[in-house]
Amino acid sequence: MELLIPPRHREQFGTLKEHYATGPTKVGPITWNGYLRVRTDDQRLIDALKQELDAQPQ
């Protein structure tokens, strides 16, 4: 599954990239309109990001 995190959370993009630098979750790249792309199969991570960062499924 893929999520897009809105640009209003830009200050947290770096932290997310560092935290998920290894493993099955892929963070990045930033889309042309400023959203951070997150790809993962971990449903708990998807649910947490959707709640905390109002991320949108793509």
N, C-alpha and C. Protein backbone atom coordinates (compact mmCIF):
# COMPACT_ATOMS: atom_id res chain seq x y z
N MET A 1 0.84 -1.17 0.00
CA MET A 1 0.00 0.00 0.00
C MET A 1 0.90 1.24 0.00
N GLU A 2 0.35 2.29 -0.55
CA GLU A 2 1.11 3.53 -0.66
C GLU A 2 0.30 4.67 -0.03
N LEU A 3 0.99 5.50 0.74
CA LEU A 3 0.37 6.67 1.36
C LEU A 3 1.08 7.92 0.90
N LEU A 4 0.35 9.03 0.87
CA LEU A 4 0.94 10.33 0.59
C LEU A 4 0.74 11.20 1.82
N ILE A 5 1.85 11.70 2.37
CA ILE A 5 1.79 12.56 3.54
C ILE A 5 1.83 14.00 3.06
N PRO A 6 0.85 14.82 3.50
CA PRO A 6 0.74 16.19 3.01
C PRO A 6 1.95 17.06 3.33
N PRO A 7 2.20 18.07 2.49
CA PRO A 7 3.36 18.94 2.67
C PRO A 7 3.32 19.75 3.97
N ARG A 8 2.17 19.89 4.60
CA ARG A 8 2.12 20.64 5.87
C ARG A 8 2.89 19.93 6.98
N HIS A 9 3.25 18.66 6.77
CA HIS A 9 4.05 17.90 7.73
C HIS A 9 5.51 17.80 7.30
N ARG A 10 5.94 18.72 6.46
CA ARG A 10 7.28 18.69 5.87
C ARG A 10 8.39 18.60 6.93
N GLU A 11 8.18 19.23 8.09
CA GLU A 11 9.21 19.19 9.13
C GLU A 11 9.45 17.78 9.65
N GLN A 12 8.53 16.86 9.44
CA GLN A 12 8.68 15.48 9.90
C GLN A 12 9.19 14.54 8.80
N PHE A 13 9.32 15.01 7.58
CA PHE A 13 9.76 14.16 6.47
C PHE A 13 11.14 13.57 6.75
N GLY A 14 12.06 14.39 7.23
CA GLY A 14 13.42 13.91 7.51
C GLY A 14 13.43 12.82 8.55
N THR A 15 12.65 12.99 9.60
CA THR A 15 12.57 11.99 10.67
C THR A 15 12.01 10.68 10.14
N LEU A 16 10.97 10.76 9.33
CA LEU A 16 10.40 9.54 8.76
C LEU A 16 11.41 8.83 7.87
N LYS A 17 12.13 9.58 7.05
CA LYS A 17 13.13 8.97 6.16
C LYS A 17 14.22 8.28 6.96
N GLU A 18 14.69 8.90 8.04
CA GLU A 18 15.73 8.30 8.87
C GLU A 18 15.22 7.06 9.60
N HIS A 19 14.02 7.15 10.14
CA HIS A 19 13.46 6.05 10.94
C HIS A 19 13.20 4.81 10.10
N TYR A 20 12.78 4.99 8.86
CA TYR A 20 12.45 3.86 8.00
C TYR A 20 13.46 3.69 6.88
N ALA A 21 14.72 4.06 7.13
CA ALA A 21 15.77 3.96 6.11
C ALA A 21 16.05 2.51 5.71
N THR A 22 15.84 1.58 6.63
CA THR A 22 16.05 0.17 6.31
C THR A 22 14.76 -0.58 6.56
N GLY A 23 14.65 -1.74 5.98
CA GLY A 23 13.47 -2.57 6.19
C GLY A 23 12.53 -2.52 4.99
N PRO A 24 11.36 -3.11 5.17
CA PRO A 24 10.43 -3.23 4.05
C PRO A 24 9.69 -1.94 3.69
N THR A 25 9.73 -0.95 4.58
CA THR A 25 9.04 0.31 4.31
C THR A 25 9.94 1.25 3.51
N LYS A 26 9.40 1.78 2.43
CA LYS A 26 10.14 2.72 1.59
C LYS A 26 9.54 4.11 1.78
N VAL A 27 10.37 5.07 2.10
CA VAL A 27 9.93 6.45 2.29
C VAL A 27 10.59 7.32 1.23
N GLY A 28 9.79 8.01 0.45
CA GLY A 28 10.28 8.90 -0.58
C GLY A 28 9.97 8.32 -1.94
N PRO A 29 10.10 9.04 -2.95
CA PRO A 29 10.53 10.44 -3.00
C PRO A 29 9.36 11.39 -2.74
N ILE A 30 9.66 12.67 -2.69
CA ILE A 30 8.63 13.69 -2.55
C ILE A 30 8.04 13.93 -3.94
N THR A 31 6.72 13.96 -4.02
CA THR A 31 6.05 14.16 -5.30
C THR A 31 6.21 15.59 -5.78
N TRP A 32 5.85 15.84 -7.03
CA TRP A 32 5.99 17.18 -7.61
C TRP A 32 5.16 18.21 -6.87
N ASN A 33 4.07 17.78 -6.21
CA ASN A 33 3.25 18.73 -5.48
C ASN A 33 3.54 18.77 -3.98
N GLY A 34 4.66 18.17 -3.56
CA GLY A 34 5.14 18.31 -2.20
C GLY A 34 4.75 17.23 -1.21
N TYR A 35 4.09 16.19 -1.66
CA TYR A 35 3.70 15.10 -0.77
C TYR A 35 4.84 14.09 -0.65
N LEU A 36 4.98 13.52 0.55
CA LEU A 36 5.98 12.47 0.77
C LEU A 36 5.31 11.13 0.54
N ARG A 37 5.91 10.30 -0.29
CA ARG A 37 5.36 8.98 -0.63
C ARG A 37 5.93 7.95 0.34
N VAL A 38 5.04 7.11 0.91
CA VAL A 38 5.43 6.03 1.80
C VAL A 38 4.83 4.74 1.27
N ARG A 39 5.66 3.73 1.05
CA ARG A 39 5.20 2.43 0.57
C ARG A 39 5.51 1.37 1.62
N THR A 40 4.49 0.62 2.03
CA THR A 40 4.67 -0.43 3.03
C THR A 40 3.52 -1.42 2.98
N ASP A 41 3.76 -2.60 3.52
CA ASP A 41 2.71 -3.61 3.66
C ASP A 41 2.27 -3.73 5.12
N ASP A 42 2.86 -2.94 6.01
CA ASP A 42 2.56 -2.99 7.44
C ASP A 42 1.29 -2.17 7.73
N GLN A 43 0.19 -2.88 7.94
CA GLN A 43 -1.10 -2.21 8.15
C GLN A 43 -1.10 -1.33 9.40
N ARG A 44 -0.40 -1.74 10.46
CA ARG A 44 -0.35 -0.92 11.68
C ARG A 44 0.35 0.41 11.41
N LEU A 45 1.41 0.38 10.63
CA LEU A 45 2.11 1.61 10.28
C LEU A 45 1.22 2.51 9.43
N ILE A 46 0.51 1.92 8.50
CA ILE A 46 -0.40 2.68 7.65
C ILE A 46 -1.47 3.36 8.49
N ASP A 47 -2.07 2.62 9.41
CA ASP A 47 -3.11 3.18 10.28
C ASP A 47 -2.56 4.30 11.15
N ALA A 48 -1.36 4.11 11.71
CA ALA A 48 -0.76 5.13 12.57
C ALA A 48 -0.45 6.40 11.78
N LEU A 49 0.12 6.26 10.59
CA LEU A 49 0.43 7.44 9.79
C LEU A 49 -0.84 8.16 9.35
N LYS A 50 -1.88 7.41 9.02
CA LYS A 50 -3.14 8.04 8.61
C LYS A 50 -3.74 8.85 9.76
N GLN A 51 -3.65 8.33 10.97
CA GLN A 51 -4.19 9.04 12.13
C GLN A 51 -3.36 10.25 12.50
N GLU A 52 -2.05 10.08 12.59
CA GLU A 52 -1.17 11.14 13.08
C GLU A 52 -0.93 12.23 12.06
N LEU A 53 -0.80 11.85 10.79
CA LEU A 53 -0.37 12.82 9.77
C LEU A 53 -1.40 13.03 8.67
N ASP A 54 -2.63 12.65 8.90
CA ASP A 54 -3.71 12.75 7.91
C ASP A 54 -3.25 12.38 6.51
N ALA A 55 -2.50 11.27 6.43
CA ALA A 55 -1.99 10.78 5.15
C ALA A 55 -3.14 10.20 4.34
N GLN A 56 -3.00 10.24 3.03
CA GLN A 56 -4.05 9.79 2.13
C GLN A 56 -3.58 8.57 1.33
N PRO A 57 -4.39 7.51 1.26
CA PRO A 57 -4.02 6.39 0.39
C PRO A 57 -4.00 6.83 -1.06
N GLN A 58 -3.13 6.22 -1.82
CA GLN A 58 -3.08 6.55 -3.24
C GLN A 58 -3.48 5.35 -4.04
